[in-house]
């Protein structure tokens, strides 16, 4: 069974939780995952930069952080994905992409990290970006933002 929880900082309202769940379920099922427990936390730059300092010893802004809570070898995927709404908005503006599409990309990106995809080398980053593009084409990212 796939269980997804979505928490959104009340100050940063406007995301459609059901659309978040549909996107990540699509990724998990397409990757052959049948059992998962994942929490999404949509928050501020300060939340994510605090996590980046605490767990990665880096003092920088970041748009997404994924924590796998159990071993990658286990069939069940347990994890948390943190996404910075302000970073996503800034990225969307810089890339001239719709905000909803950038949120969709970050949901997918975080999910792929939980599945042990990496983006530290040029080759790995190319693989991950290709997967993100593929999943973005097949998901309803347009529904991510409540008007």
Protein backbone atom coordinates (compact mmCIF):
# COMPACT_ATOMS: atom_id res chain seq x y z
CA UNK A 1 0.00 0.00 0.00
CA UNK A 2 1.23 3.49 -0.79
CA UNK A 3 0.56 6.07 1.93
CA UNK A 4 1.31 9.74 1.27
CA UNK A 5 0.95 12.59 3.76
CA UNK A 6 1.12 16.22 2.69
CA UNK A 7 1.74 19.08 5.09
CA UNK A 8 1.80 22.69 3.94
CA UNK A 9 2.90 25.68 6.00
CA UNK A 10 -0.38 27.61 6.46
CA UNK A 11 1.35 30.84 5.40
CA UNK A 12 2.21 29.21 2.07
CA UNK A 13 -1.25 27.94 1.16
CA UNK A 14 -2.41 27.27 -2.36
CA UNK A 15 -1.19 23.76 -3.14
CA UNK A 16 -3.59 21.01 -4.11
CA UNK A 17 -2.73 18.05 -1.84
CA UNK A 18 -4.57 15.55 -4.03
CA UNK A 19 -2.48 16.53 -7.06
CA UNK A 20 0.74 16.10 -5.03
CA UNK A 21 -0.36 12.60 -4.07
CA UNK A 22 -1.29 11.64 -7.64
CA UNK A 23 2.08 12.77 -8.99
CA UNK A 24 4.19 10.87 -6.46
CA UNK A 25 2.01 7.75 -6.72
CA UNK A 26 2.51 7.80 -10.49
CA UNK A 27 6.28 7.96 -10.03
CA UNK A 28 6.35 5.21 -7.41
CA UNK A 29 4.10 2.86 -9.37
CA UNK A 30 6.03 3.50 -12.60
CA UNK A 31 9.24 2.60 -10.74
CA UNK A 32 7.69 -0.66 -9.51
CA UNK A 33 7.11 0.45 -5.91
CA UNK A 34 4.00 -1.04 -4.32
CA UNK A 35 4.62 -0.24 -0.67
CA UNK A 36 5.61 3.21 0.59
CA UNK A 37 5.06 5.68 3.38
CA UNK A 38 6.12 9.18 2.37
CA UNK A 39 5.53 12.57 3.95
CA UNK A 40 5.77 15.81 2.01
CA UNK A 41 6.44 19.00 3.91
CA UNK A 42 6.06 22.22 1.93
CA UNK A 43 7.68 25.06 3.82
CA UNK A 44 9.91 28.09 3.87
CA UNK A 45 13.47 28.75 2.78
CA UNK A 46 14.42 28.96 6.44
CA UNK A 47 13.07 25.46 7.16
CA UNK A 48 15.05 23.89 4.32
CA UNK A 49 18.24 25.88 4.91
CA UNK A 50 18.10 24.81 8.57
CA UNK A 51 17.85 21.16 7.50
CA UNK A 52 20.68 21.66 5.00
CA UNK A 53 22.91 23.06 7.76
CA UNK A 54 21.97 20.40 10.30
CA UNK A 55 22.16 17.30 8.12
CA UNK A 56 24.53 18.25 5.28
CA UNK A 57 26.71 20.89 6.99
CA UNK A 58 26.04 23.33 4.14
CA UNK A 59 24.88 26.90 4.57
CA UNK A 60 22.83 27.48 1.43
CA UNK A 61 19.32 27.81 0.08
CA UNK A 62 17.87 24.68 -1.47
CA UNK A 63 14.60 23.80 -3.14
CA UNK A 64 14.16 20.15 -2.15
CA UNK A 65 15.59 17.76 0.43
CA UNK A 66 14.69 14.07 0.57
CA UNK A 67 15.40 11.82 3.54
CA UNK A 68 15.12 8.07 3.16
CA UNK A 69 14.11 6.81 6.61
CA UNK A 70 14.96 3.16 5.99
CA UNK A 71 17.57 1.24 3.99
CA UNK A 72 17.42 1.47 0.20
CA UNK A 73 17.53 -2.33 0.01
CA UNK A 74 14.17 -2.62 1.77
CA UNK A 75 11.08 -3.09 -0.40
CA UNK A 76 9.06 -0.54 1.54
CA UNK A 77 10.05 3.05 0.78
CA UNK A 78 9.88 5.23 3.88
CA UNK A 79 10.85 8.85 3.58
CA UNK A 80 10.27 12.55 3.95
CA UNK A 81 10.50 15.16 1.21
CA UNK A 82 10.83 18.84 2.07
CA UNK A 83 10.12 21.44 -0.60
CA UNK A 84 10.69 25.18 -0.31
CA UNK A 85 7.79 27.09 -1.85
CA UNK A 86 9.76 30.38 -2.12
CA UNK A 87 12.70 28.59 -3.83
CA UNK A 88 10.30 26.89 -6.24
CA UNK A 89 8.76 30.27 -7.14
CA UNK A 90 12.18 31.80 -7.71
CA UNK A 91 13.33 28.81 -9.81
CA UNK A 92 10.17 28.99 -11.92
CA UNK A 93 10.76 32.69 -12.58
CA UNK A 94 14.43 32.14 -13.47
CA UNK A 95 13.59 29.25 -15.79
CA UNK A 96 10.51 30.99 -17.21
CA UNK A 97 8.42 27.94 -16.30
CA UNK A 98 4.98 27.79 -14.67
CA UNK A 99 5.20 27.64 -10.87
CA UNK A 100 3.02 24.51 -10.82
CA UNK A 101 5.41 22.74 -13.22
CA UNK A 102 8.40 23.57 -11.00
CA UNK A 103 6.55 22.19 -7.95
CA UNK A 104 5.79 19.05 -9.97
CA UNK A 105 9.46 18.69 -10.89
CA UNK A 106 10.50 19.02 -7.24
CA UNK A 107 7.94 16.40 -6.14
CA UNK A 108 9.30 14.01 -8.76
CA UNK A 109 12.93 14.89 -7.98
CA UNK A 110 12.47 14.23 -4.27
CA UNK A 111 10.69 10.96 -5.01
CA UNK A 112 13.51 9.79 -7.25
CA UNK A 113 16.03 10.54 -4.50
CA UNK A 114 14.03 8.29 -2.16
CA UNK A 115 14.39 5.56 -4.78
CA UNK A 116 18.19 5.95 -4.68
CA UNK A 117 18.59 8.06 -7.81
CA UNK A 118 21.45 10.52 -7.45
CA UNK A 119 22.44 13.73 -9.19
CA UNK A 120 26.02 14.21 -8.00
CA UNK A 121 27.71 13.34 -11.31
CA UNK A 122 26.95 14.63 -14.80
CA UNK A 123 25.80 11.18 -15.93
CA UNK A 124 23.54 10.63 -12.90
CA UNK A 125 22.09 14.13 -13.21
CA UNK A 126 21.27 13.49 -16.89
CA UNK A 127 19.48 10.25 -15.98
CA UNK A 128 17.52 11.95 -13.21
CA UNK A 129 16.57 14.95 -15.35
CA UNK A 130 15.40 12.59 -18.10
CA UNK A 131 13.18 10.75 -15.62
CA UNK A 132 11.81 14.06 -14.29
CA UNK A 133 10.97 15.24 -17.81
CA UNK A 134 9.31 11.91 -18.64
CA UNK A 135 7.13 11.95 -15.51
CA UNK A 136 6.27 15.64 -15.94
CA UNK A 137 4.89 14.86 -19.40
CA UNK A 138 2.53 12.24 -17.97
CA UNK A 139 1.33 13.92 -14.79
CA UNK A 140 -1.23 16.62 -14.18
CA UNK A 141 1.11 19.25 -12.73
CA UNK A 142 -1.30 21.95 -13.92
CA UNK A 143 -3.63 20.94 -11.06
CA UNK A 144 -1.03 21.53 -8.34
CA UNK A 145 -2.00 25.12 -7.60
CA UNK A 146 -5.41 25.99 -6.19
CA UNK A 147 -6.61 29.30 -7.55
